Amino acid sequence: MYKFENFKLNQGFDHYQNVIFLKKFIDSFSKDKKTNNYFSDLEIIFRIPKFSLIKKVNQIIFRCFNFYSGKFTLKNSYIQILLNFIEFNIFFFVNLFFFFKKKEKKYEIILCNIDSDSFDRYKNILKQFQKIAIITKNYLEYVKIKESFPKKKIHFYSRNSFGFNYSLKSILKVYKVFFHIFCFSITRKQNFIKIFIILLRSILSASKLSDIVSSDKLLYTRIYWTCPIINFFFKKKQKTKIFLIQSHLYDPTFGIYLDTDFYFSWCKNFEQKNELEHYGSRIEEILPVGSIFAEERLIKKKKKIDLLIIFSSFSTWYHFPKVKESFNKYICWIDKIIKKFKNYHVVISPHPSDLKTYSLAKKFFEKYPNVELLNMEDSCYRYISSSSIILSYSSSVVLESYLLNKKAYFIQPAIGLTGIFKKKKYLHKIIIRDYKTLEKKILEKEKVLKKYLIYLKKKNISSRIYKYIQRK
């Protein structure tokens, strides 16, 4: 087993190669003989399949990785390991004496790990349900959601609901296993105890929630929020069907090891299933429905735009030489296009959550009189309908633009496709990889590729999702 502090991403790789490199490292953790024995012990105590425990631990380790620094955030000093063992003891004994069994309540649907921002995007689906359970870590998020739907029966349940609902014999076995994990952490000087504390929290929380919240439908709205432990308990106790809605063009840096029964995708292309499984995910069935974001946000405006350039968030990978070289070339191409087509009205939309994209656009392009730089708060969706052509390095909006029968392209200089496109052969026809082709595509009046209109549908997407959920 490799040490967490020794692992570093390869500066010579692109970010697809680095995600695979990271996944192999994480997978090696569960293959270690010692850790595998701990999984076996916990499988017997909690009666959770080993593969679900391993997938959850893999998710935990992945989330402990910082792509900006290229290193794990786990602290592995002896003092930190001891502090985390003390944390475990406090958590263990508090939950030993403070377990309260509540009466089970039934709901039409459960929304798991949701926030007020994502809730608003799915309001057209949720308004068709009368009794909804919200599972979230933040009570303030629930308050915002409740205010949006005052007449609905929406009930809040905290992800931080814990308590041992197990026999004393099983509880003592849990303590014994965790004491051995602590000793193993000290021996290896690796903070495994911290990882397994998070796992234990997930087990106790999911076990309790599945006792008090009942529904045959559970919906996740973000790929990085799926939890194999929650899924296991709800499927075991209530035969719950698990659903996940695609919100963006899949980028493995957002999350790998996804876990869901049904995946509501934008496209009718089933390469997606293979792509997600390539990154360690469990997807039983792909259900093509279209982009729910576009359904809400594609608004028609009269203002004519010749060229709409959408910046995607690139900060995570920009410091890697291959990506940096590729992105810098992309900036140069955009600069040349703006200079060449001086009569074009060019609108540049920075990424709403990445201030660096706004600073970059301001630095390079605001000086041109034919360029309009949008504020970060101004949604690019409002400008698609009035744009003649849409360009971006990797934004999901390029694909969504085909809903309005627009010409839209990803710009990926020939140094090499970035990670999100490596496993997406179905998108390669709308990727521009050299400058001459870019100029040609801007000038030519070709018809939009109808193939992509088949993939995405603009109307009745929420209704389509609702019908699928009810049918399954």
Protein backbone atom coordinates (compact mmCIF):
# COMPACT_ATOMS: atom_id res chain seq x y z
CA MET A 1 0.00 0.00 0.00
CA TYR A 2 1.30 3.43 -0.91
CA LYS A 3 1.38 6.28 1.59
CA PHE A 4 -1.09 9.13 1.16
CA GLU A 5 1.49 11.87 1.65
CA ASN A 6 3.75 10.36 -1.03
CA PHE A 7 1.10 10.36 -3.72
CA LYS A 8 1.29 13.15 -6.29
CA LEU A 9 -0.37 13.63 -9.64
CA ASN A 10 1.86 13.26 -12.67
CA GLN A 11 2.61 16.67 -14.18
CA GLY A 12 3.23 15.02 -17.54
CA PHE A 13 -0.29 13.54 -17.71
CA ASP A 14 -3.47 15.19 -18.87
CA HIS A 15 -6.26 15.14 -16.31
CA TYR A 16 -7.93 12.03 -17.73
CA GLN A 17 -4.71 10.10 -17.20
CA ASN A 18 -4.34 11.59 -13.73
CA VAL A 19 -7.85 10.60 -12.63
CA ILE A 20 -7.13 7.01 -13.71
CA PHE A 21 -3.79 7.23 -11.91
CA LEU A 22 -5.58 8.43 -8.76
CA LYS A 23 -8.27 5.75 -9.05
CA LYS A 24 -5.66 2.99 -9.22
CA PHE A 25 -4.06 4.36 -6.07
CA ILE A 26 -7.40 4.47 -4.22
CA ASP A 27 -8.32 0.96 -5.39
CA SER A 28 -5.05 -0.35 -3.94
CA PHE A 29 -6.30 0.67 -0.47
CA SER A 30 -9.17 -1.86 -0.46
CA LYS A 31 -6.92 -4.56 -1.93
CA ASP A 32 -4.53 -4.38 1.02
CA LYS A 33 -4.88 -7.55 3.11
CA LYS A 34 -5.31 -5.69 6.43
CA THR A 35 -7.93 -3.21 5.25
CA ASN A 36 -9.76 -5.99 3.43
CA ASN A 37 -10.02 -7.85 6.74
CA TYR A 38 -11.57 -4.75 8.36
CA PHE A 39 -14.14 -4.58 5.57
CA SER A 40 -14.95 -8.25 6.18
CA ASP A 41 -15.41 -7.62 9.91
CA LEU A 42 -17.73 -4.65 9.32
CA GLU A 43 -19.66 -6.61 6.70
CA ILE A 44 -20.46 -9.27 9.32
CA ILE A 45 -21.32 -6.77 12.09
CA PHE A 46 -23.54 -4.41 10.07
CA ARG A 47 -24.64 -6.95 7.42
CA ILE A 48 -23.64 -4.57 4.66
CA PRO A 49 -22.11 -6.11 1.48
CA LYS A 50 -18.37 -5.62 1.34
CA PHE A 51 -18.54 -4.02 -2.11
CA SER A 52 -20.80 -1.25 -0.72
CA LEU A 53 -18.37 -0.58 2.14
CA ILE A 54 -15.42 -0.51 -0.25
CA LYS A 55 -17.19 1.84 -2.69
CA LYS A 56 -18.06 4.23 0.15
CA VAL A 57 -14.48 4.23 1.46
CA ASN A 58 -13.24 4.83 -2.09
CA GLN A 59 -15.57 7.85 -2.29
CA ILE A 60 -14.26 9.14 1.06
CA ILE A 61 -10.63 8.84 -0.01
CA PHE A 62 -11.39 10.51 -3.36
CA ARG A 63 -13.00 13.46 -1.54
CA CYS A 64 -9.90 13.77 0.64
CA PHE A 65 -7.91 14.59 -2.49
CA ASN A 66 -7.24 18.19 -3.46
CA PHE A 67 -6.88 18.59 -7.23
CA TYR A 68 -5.52 22.12 -6.87
CA SER A 69 -2.49 20.97 -4.86
CA GLY A 70 -2.41 17.50 -6.39
CA LYS A 71 -2.19 15.94 -2.91
CA PHE A 72 -4.33 14.29 -0.25
CA THR A 73 -5.58 16.50 2.58
CA LEU A 74 -5.35 13.70 5.18
CA LYS A 75 -2.99 14.54 8.06
CA ASN A 76 -0.98 11.49 9.05
CA SER A 77 1.03 12.59 12.09
CA TYR A 78 0.86 10.46 15.25
CA ILE A 79 -0.76 13.37 17.10
CA GLN A 80 -3.49 13.70 14.44
CA ILE A 81 -4.15 9.95 14.47
CA LEU A 82 -4.46 10.05 18.28
CA LEU A 83 -6.82 13.06 18.09
CA ASN A 84 -8.99 11.25 15.57
CA PHE A 85 -9.12 8.19 17.82
CA ILE A 86 -10.27 10.43 20.67
CA GLU A 87 -12.87 11.85 18.26
CA PHE A 88 -14.01 8.30 17.56
CA ASN A 89 -14.36 7.51 21.28
CA ILE A 90 -16.45 10.62 21.90
CA PHE A 91 -18.63 9.87 18.90
CA PHE A 92 -18.94 6.20 19.86
CA PHE A 93 -20.04 6.72 23.48
CA VAL A 94 -22.34 9.66 22.75
CA ASN A 95 -24.20 7.58 20.18
CA LEU A 96 -24.22 4.58 22.47
CA PHE A 97 -26.36 6.39 25.06
CA PHE A 98 -28.39 8.77 22.90
CA PHE A 99 -30.31 6.63 20.48
CA PHE A 100 -34.01 7.48 20.21
CA LYS A 101 -36.25 5.45 17.96
CA LYS A 102 -38.84 7.53 16.14
CA LYS A 103 -41.96 6.51 14.31
CA GLU A 104 -41.54 5.79 10.61
CA LYS A 105 -43.13 8.29 8.21
CA LYS A 106 -44.00 7.60 4.60
CA TYR A 107 -43.28 9.97 1.71
CA GLU A 108 -43.83 10.01 -2.03
CA ILE A 109 -40.16 10.78 -2.68
CA ILE A 110 -36.90 11.41 -0.79
CA LEU A 111 -34.44 14.07 -1.96
CA CYS A 112 -31.03 13.13 -0.64
CA ASN A 113 -28.08 15.48 -0.05
CA ILE A 114 -29.79 18.47 -1.64
CA ASP A 115 -29.26 22.23 -1.25
CA SER A 116 -31.56 25.16 -2.00
CA ASP A 117 -29.76 25.98 -5.28
CA SER A 118 -30.25 22.56 -6.80
CA PHE A 119 -33.76 22.29 -5.34
CA ASP A 120 -34.87 25.30 -7.37
CA ARG A 121 -33.74 23.60 -10.57
CA TYR A 122 -36.01 20.63 -9.95
CA LYS A 123 -39.10 22.49 -8.80
CA ASN A 124 -41.11 21.41 -11.88
CA ILE A 125 -40.60 17.78 -10.93
CA LEU A 126 -41.16 18.24 -7.21
CA LYS A 127 -44.34 20.26 -7.50
CA GLN A 128 -45.99 17.08 -8.78
CA PHE A 129 -45.37 15.38 -5.42
CA GLN A 130 -47.36 16.29 -2.31
CA LYS A 131 -45.30 14.73 0.47
CA ILE A 132 -41.53 15.12 0.21
CA ALA A 133 -38.67 14.22 2.59
CA ILE A 134 -35.50 16.32 2.39
CA ILE A 135 -32.23 14.84 3.67
CA THR A 136 -29.53 17.50 4.02
CA LYS A 137 -26.72 18.46 6.37
CA ASN A 138 -27.75 22.09 6.62
CA TYR A 139 -31.05 23.06 8.28
CA LEU A 140 -30.87 26.57 6.77
CA GLU A 141 -31.01 24.98 3.32
CA TYR A 142 -34.24 23.27 4.33
CA VAL A 143 -35.70 26.62 5.50
CA LYS A 144 -35.00 28.13 2.06
CA ILE A 145 -36.61 25.14 0.34
CA LYS A 146 -39.67 25.28 2.59
CA GLU A 147 -40.16 28.97 1.79
CA SER A 148 -40.21 28.13 -1.93
CA PHE A 149 -43.01 25.60 -1.47
CA PRO A 150 -45.14 26.82 1.48
CA LYS A 151 -48.16 24.61 0.65
CA LYS A 152 -46.23 21.37 0.20
CA LYS A 153 -45.71 18.79 2.93
CA ILE A 154 -41.92 18.97 3.03
CA HIS A 155 -40.11 17.48 6.01
CA PHE A 156 -36.47 17.89 6.93
CA TYR A 157 -34.14 15.10 8.12
CA SER A 158 -30.53 15.72 9.03
CA ARG A 159 -27.69 13.68 7.56
CA ASN A 160 -26.17 14.02 11.03
CA SER A 161 -28.75 11.69 12.58
CA PHE A 162 -26.85 8.98 14.42
CA GLY A 163 -27.26 6.31 17.09
CA PHE A 164 -26.49 2.60 17.53
CA ASN A 165 -29.55 0.54 16.72
CA TYR A 166 -27.61 -2.70 17.18
CA SER A 167 -27.10 -5.32 19.87
CA LEU A 168 -24.56 -4.73 22.62
CA LYS A 169 -22.49 -7.62 21.28
CA SER A 170 -22.31 -5.98 17.83
CA ILE A 171 -21.45 -2.59 19.34
CA LEU A 172 -18.54 -4.09 21.29
CA LYS A 173 -17.31 -5.75 18.10
CA VAL A 174 -17.40 -2.35 16.35
CA TYR A 175 -15.20 -0.86 19.08
CA LYS A 176 -12.77 -3.77 18.82
CA VAL A 177 -12.46 -3.34 15.02
CA PHE A 178 -11.86 0.39 15.36
CA PHE A 179 -9.25 -0.12 18.05
CA HIS A 180 -7.39 -2.42 15.65
CA ILE A 181 -7.73 0.21 12.88
CA PHE A 182 -6.25 2.78 15.28
CA CYS A 183 -3.28 0.48 16.04
CA PHE A 184 -2.83 -0.19 12.32
CA SER A 185 -2.88 3.58 11.66
CA ILE A 186 -0.13 4.10 14.23
CA THR A 187 1.94 1.23 12.82
CA ARG A 188 1.71 2.52 9.24
CA LYS A 189 1.60 6.20 10.26
CA GLN A 190 -1.43 6.56 7.95
CA ASN A 191 -4.68 8.07 9.18
CA PHE A 192 -6.98 5.16 8.35
CA ILE A 193 -8.95 5.81 11.55
CA LYS A 194 -10.21 9.13 10.10
CA ILE A 195 -11.45 7.38 6.94
CA PHE A 196 -13.27 4.69 8.92
CA ILE A 197 -14.84 7.26 11.28
CA ILE A 198 -16.48 8.89 8.24
CA LEU A 199 -17.60 5.43 7.12
CA LEU A 200 -19.10 4.69 10.56
CA ARG A 201 -20.95 8.02 10.55
CA SER A 202 -22.41 7.15 7.17
CA ILE A 203 -23.51 3.68 8.35
CA LEU A 204 -25.20 4.91 11.53
CA SER A 205 -26.84 7.85 9.77
CA ALA A 206 -28.16 5.75 6.87
CA SER A 207 -29.38 3.02 9.22
CA LYS A 208 -31.34 5.47 11.36
CA LEU A 209 -32.76 7.44 8.43
CA SER A 210 -33.99 4.28 6.71
CA ASP A 211 -35.88 3.41 9.94
CA ILE A 212 -37.74 6.71 10.18
CA VAL A 213 -38.08 7.84 6.54
CA SER A 214 -39.95 5.61 4.14
CA SER A 215 -40.37 5.90 0.36
CA ASP A 216 -39.94 3.71 -2.68
CA LYS A 217 -38.21 6.58 -4.53
CA LEU A 218 -34.94 8.35 -3.65
CA LEU A 219 -33.51 11.09 -5.86
CA TYR A 220 -30.00 12.56 -5.99
CA THR A 221 -29.46 15.79 -7.92
CA ARG A 222 -25.65 15.84 -8.09
CA ILE A 223 -23.27 13.09 -9.14
CA TYR A 224 -20.87 13.60 -6.23
CA TRP A 225 -23.64 13.13 -3.63
CA THR A 226 -24.57 9.52 -4.31
CA CYS A 227 -23.93 7.25 -1.32
CA PRO A 228 -23.77 3.42 -1.59
CA ILE A 229 -24.46 3.05 2.16
CA ILE A 230 -27.67 5.11 2.06
CA ASN A 231 -28.69 3.25 -1.08
CA PHE A 232 -28.09 -0.13 0.53
CA PHE A 233 -30.19 0.55 3.65
CA PHE A 234 -33.12 2.07 1.77
CA LYS A 235 -33.10 -0.68 -0.86
CA LYS A 236 -32.87 -3.39 1.81
CA LYS A 237 -35.59 -2.08 4.14
CA GLN A 238 -37.98 -0.46 1.67
CA LYS A 239 -36.98 -1.72 -1.79
CA THR A 240 -36.34 1.92 -2.74
CA LYS A 241 -35.42 2.77 -6.33
CA ILE A 242 -32.46 5.15 -6.61
CA PHE A 243 -32.43 7.95 -9.22
CA LEU A 244 -29.75 10.44 -10.27
CA ILE A 245 -30.19 13.41 -12.62
CA GLN A 246 -27.37 14.55 -14.91
CA SER A 247 -26.68 18.23 -14.28
CA HIS A 248 -23.50 18.82 -16.30
CA LEU A 249 -21.30 17.23 -18.92
CA TYR A 250 -19.63 14.54 -16.83
CA ASP A 251 -16.16 15.41 -15.57
CA PRO A 252 -14.51 12.68 -13.43
CA THR A 253 -12.89 15.29 -11.20
CA PHE A 254 -16.39 16.04 -9.83
CA GLY A 255 -16.74 12.49 -8.60
CA ILE A 256 -16.03 8.86 -9.37
CA TYR A 257 -17.48 5.68 -7.84
CA LEU A 258 -21.07 6.88 -8.41
CA ASP A 259 -23.86 4.61 -7.21
CA THR A 260 -27.40 4.65 -8.60
CA ASP A 261 -30.03 2.42 -10.17
CA PHE A 262 -31.23 4.90 -12.80
CA TYR A 263 -29.36 7.80 -14.40
CA PHE A 264 -31.40 10.50 -16.15
CA SER A 265 -29.07 11.57 -18.94
CA TRP A 266 -29.13 14.30 -21.56
CA CYS A 267 -28.36 11.99 -24.46
CA LYS A 268 -29.58 8.85 -26.12
CA ASN A 269 -25.96 7.78 -26.43
CA PHE A 270 -25.24 4.78 -24.23
CA GLU A 271 -21.48 5.27 -24.26
CA GLN A 272 -22.18 7.22 -21.07
CA LYS A 273 -22.82 4.04 -19.10
CA ASN A 274 -19.46 2.60 -20.16
CA GLU A 275 -17.75 5.89 -19.31
CA LEU A 276 -19.20 6.04 -15.79
CA GLU A 277 -18.44 2.37 -15.13
CA HIS A 278 -14.88 3.01 -16.32
CA TYR A 279 -14.53 5.32 -13.31
CA GLY A 280 -15.79 2.71 -10.83
CA SER A 281 -19.49 3.62 -10.89
CA ARG A 282 -22.57 1.42 -10.60
CA ILE A 283 -25.30 2.44 -13.06
CA GLU A 284 -28.08 -0.06 -13.72
CA GLU A 285 -29.87 1.83 -16.48
CA ILE A 286 -29.48 5.06 -18.49
CA LEU A 287 -32.75 6.94 -19.07
CA PRO A 288 -32.36 9.70 -21.72
CA VAL A 289 -34.58 12.69 -20.90
CA GLY A 290 -32.70 15.89 -21.88
CA SER A 291 -31.19 18.78 -19.91
CA ILE A 292 -33.34 19.93 -17.01
CA PHE A 293 -31.14 23.05 -16.64
CA ALA A 294 -31.85 24.08 -20.21
CA GLU A 295 -35.58 23.53 -19.74
CA GLU A 296 -35.60 26.27 -17.10
CA ARG A 297 -32.91 28.61 -18.35
CA LEU A 298 -33.06 28.82 -22.13
CA ILE A 299 -34.79 32.18 -22.50
CA LYS A 300 -35.22 33.96 -25.82
CA LYS A 301 -33.74 37.45 -26.14
CA LYS A 302 -33.96 39.79 -29.13
CA LYS A 303 -30.46 41.21 -28.84
CA LYS A 304 -28.34 39.87 -31.73
CA ILE A 305 -24.99 38.29 -30.88
CA ASP A 306 -22.60 37.08 -33.55
CA LEU A 307 -20.36 35.08 -31.26
CA LEU A 308 -20.96 33.87 -27.68
CA ILE A 309 -17.86 32.60 -25.86
CA ILE A 310 -18.48 30.70 -22.64
CA PHE A 311 -15.69 30.18 -20.14
CA SER A 312 -15.66 26.94 -18.18
CA SER A 313 -14.01 26.50 -14.80
CA PHE A 314 -10.44 25.43 -15.46
CA SER A 315 -8.63 26.31 -12.23
CA THR A 316 -8.42 22.69 -11.04
CA TRP A 317 -6.16 21.62 -13.90
CA TYR A 318 -4.64 24.85 -15.17
CA HIS A 319 -1.34 24.32 -13.34
CA PHE A 320 -0.72 21.05 -15.22
CA PRO A 321 1.58 21.71 -18.22
CA LYS A 322 -0.50 19.87 -20.87
CA VAL A 323 -3.76 21.52 -19.85
CA LYS A 324 -2.13 24.92 -19.39
CA GLU A 325 -0.57 24.75 -22.85
CA SER A 326 -3.86 23.70 -24.41
CA PHE A 327 -5.92 26.36 -22.65
CA ASN A 328 -3.42 29.13 -23.42
CA LYS A 329 -3.61 28.20 -27.10
CA TYR A 330 -7.41 28.38 -26.86
CA ILE A 331 -7.12 31.94 -25.47
CA CYS A 332 -4.83 32.87 -28.37
CA TRP A 333 -7.34 31.51 -30.90
CA ILE A 334 -10.17 33.50 -29.34
CA ASP A 335 -8.00 36.61 -29.41
CA LYS A 336 -7.24 36.11 -33.13
CA ILE A 337 -10.92 35.56 -33.91
CA ILE A 338 -11.95 38.79 -32.14
CA LYS A 339 -9.30 40.75 -34.06
CA LYS A 340 -10.18 39.17 -37.40
CA PHE A 341 -13.95 39.64 -37.12
CA LYS A 342 -14.01 43.25 -35.92
CA ASN A 343 -17.59 43.79 -37.03
CA TYR A 344 -18.85 40.87 -34.94
CA HIS A 345 -20.65 41.53 -31.69
CA VAL A 346 -18.83 39.18 -29.30
CA VAL A 347 -20.21 38.36 -25.84
CA ILE A 348 -17.97 36.64 -23.29
CA SER A 349 -19.52 34.85 -20.34
CA PRO A 350 -17.21 33.98 -17.40
CA HIS A 351 -17.89 30.93 -15.25
CA PRO A 352 -20.30 31.89 -12.42
CA SER A 353 -18.25 30.22 -9.69
CA ASP A 354 -14.70 30.80 -10.94
CA LEU A 355 -13.45 34.35 -10.42
CA LYS A 356 -10.24 33.54 -12.29
CA THR A 357 -12.17 33.15 -15.56
CA TYR A 358 -13.64 36.64 -15.13
CA SER A 359 -10.19 38.13 -14.38
CA LEU A 360 -8.72 36.36 -17.40
CA ALA A 361 -11.48 37.52 -19.76
CA LYS A 362 -11.20 41.07 -18.43
CA LYS A 363 -7.43 41.09 -18.87
CA PHE A 364 -7.36 39.80 -22.46
CA PHE A 365 -10.64 40.77 -24.11
CA GLU A 366 -12.33 43.75 -22.44
CA LYS A 367 -10.06 46.13 -24.37
CA TYR A 368 -11.75 45.31 -27.69
CA PRO A 369 -14.66 47.61 -28.66
CA ASN A 370 -16.69 44.76 -30.19
CA VAL A 371 -16.52 42.68 -26.98
CA GLU A 372 -19.15 42.68 -24.23
CA LEU A 373 -18.04 41.03 -20.98
CA LEU A 374 -20.90 39.74 -18.84
CA ASN A 375 -20.96 39.88 -15.05
CA MET A 376 -20.45 36.60 -13.22
CA GLU A 377 -24.06 36.73 -12.00
CA ASP A 378 -25.45 37.02 -15.54
CA SER A 379 -26.43 33.57 -16.87
CA CYS A 380 -25.10 32.67 -20.32
CA TYR A 381 -28.33 30.70 -20.96
CA ARG A 382 -30.12 34.01 -21.56
CA TYR A 383 -27.93 34.75 -24.59
CA ILE A 384 -27.91 31.43 -26.45
CA SER A 385 -31.08 31.97 -28.49
CA SER A 386 -29.81 35.25 -29.95
CA SER A 387 -26.30 33.96 -30.73
CA SER A 388 -25.20 32.83 -34.18
CA ILE A 389 -22.44 30.57 -32.88
CA ILE A 390 -21.39 29.43 -29.39
CA LEU A 391 -17.83 28.43 -28.46
CA SER A 392 -16.26 27.10 -25.28
CA TYR A 393 -13.26 25.13 -24.09
CA SER A 394 -15.37 22.58 -22.18
CA SER A 395 -18.66 24.09 -20.96
CA SER A 396 -21.76 21.85 -20.85
CA VAL A 397 -23.72 24.72 -22.41
CA VAL A 398 -22.24 23.91 -25.83
CA LEU A 399 -24.19 20.67 -25.94
CA GLU A 400 -27.32 22.29 -24.50
CA SER A 401 -27.23 24.94 -27.25
CA TYR A 402 -28.35 22.32 -29.75
CA LEU A 403 -31.75 22.43 -28.08
CA LEU A 404 -32.26 25.79 -29.79
CA ASN A 405 -30.85 24.56 -33.09
CA LYS A 406 -27.65 26.56 -32.63
CA LYS A 407 -24.16 26.00 -34.00
CA ALA A 408 -21.94 25.31 -31.00
CA TYR A 409 -18.46 23.84 -30.66
CA PHE A 410 -15.90 22.83 -28.09
CA ILE A 411 -12.45 24.27 -28.79
CA GLN A 412 -9.71 21.78 -27.92
CA PRO A 413 -6.29 22.66 -29.41
CA ALA A 414 -4.53 19.67 -30.96
CA ILE A 415 -2.19 19.14 -28.00
CA GLY A 416 -4.76 16.62 -26.81
CA LEU A 417 -8.33 16.33 -25.64
CA THR A 418 -8.83 17.17 -21.99
CA GLY A 419 -10.16 14.53 -19.62
CA ILE A 420 -13.89 15.10 -20.01
CA PHE A 421 -13.71 14.28 -23.75
CA LYS A 422 -11.47 11.21 -23.70
CA LYS A 423 -14.38 8.80 -23.26
CA LYS A 424 -16.95 10.87 -25.19
CA LYS A 425 -16.53 9.80 -28.82
CA TYR A 426 -20.10 10.86 -29.53
CA LEU A 427 -19.02 14.50 -29.08
CA HIS A 428 -15.95 14.43 -31.30
CA LYS A 429 -17.86 15.83 -34.33
CA ILE A 430 -18.47 19.09 -32.47
CA ILE A 431 -14.89 19.51 -31.24
CA ILE A 432 -12.61 21.91 -33.15
CA ARG A 433 -8.93 21.07 -32.87
CA ASP A 434 -7.14 23.51 -35.21
CA TYR A 435 -7.42 27.23 -35.88
CA LYS A 436 -8.21 27.00 -39.61
CA THR A 437 -11.23 24.83 -38.87
CA LEU A 438 -12.36 27.35 -36.26
CA GLU A 439 -12.37 30.19 -38.81
CA LYS A 440 -14.12 27.98 -41.34
CA LYS A 441 -16.89 27.00 -38.90
CA ILE A 442 -17.55 30.64 -38.00
CA LEU A 443 -17.86 31.70 -41.64
CA GLU A 444 -19.77 28.79 -43.14
CA LYS A 445 -23.54 28.65 -43.05
CA GLU A 446 -23.81 24.93 -42.53
CA LYS A 447 -26.84 23.29 -41.04
CA VAL A 448 -26.70 22.30 -37.41
CA LEU A 449 -25.92 18.63 -36.81
CA LYS A 450 -29.39 17.16 -36.41
CA LYS A 451 -27.94 14.20 -34.56
CA TYR A 452 -27.55 16.29 -31.44
CA LEU A 453 -31.15 17.43 -31.55
CA ILE A 454 -32.10 13.77 -31.16
CA TYR A 455 -29.96 13.54 -28.05
CA LEU A 456 -31.49 16.49 -26.24
CA LYS A 457 -35.08 17.57 -25.90
CA LYS A 458 -36.12 20.95 -24.60
CA LYS A 459 -39.79 20.48 -23.75
CA ASN A 460 -41.45 18.50 -20.97
CA ILE A 461 -38.19 17.25 -19.47
CA SER A 462 -39.44 17.52 -15.88
CA SER A 463 -42.65 15.77 -16.86
CA ARG A 464 -40.67 13.02 -18.58
CA ILE A 465 -38.54 12.47 -15.46
CA TYR A 466 -41.63 12.38 -13.24
CA LYS A 467 -43.27 9.74 -15.45
CA TYR A 468 -40.11 7.61 -15.42
CA ILE A 469 -39.91 7.82 -11.61
CA GLN A 470 -43.56 6.83 -11.22
CA ARG A 471 -43.25 4.00 -13.71
CA LYS A 472 -40.15 2.46 -12.16
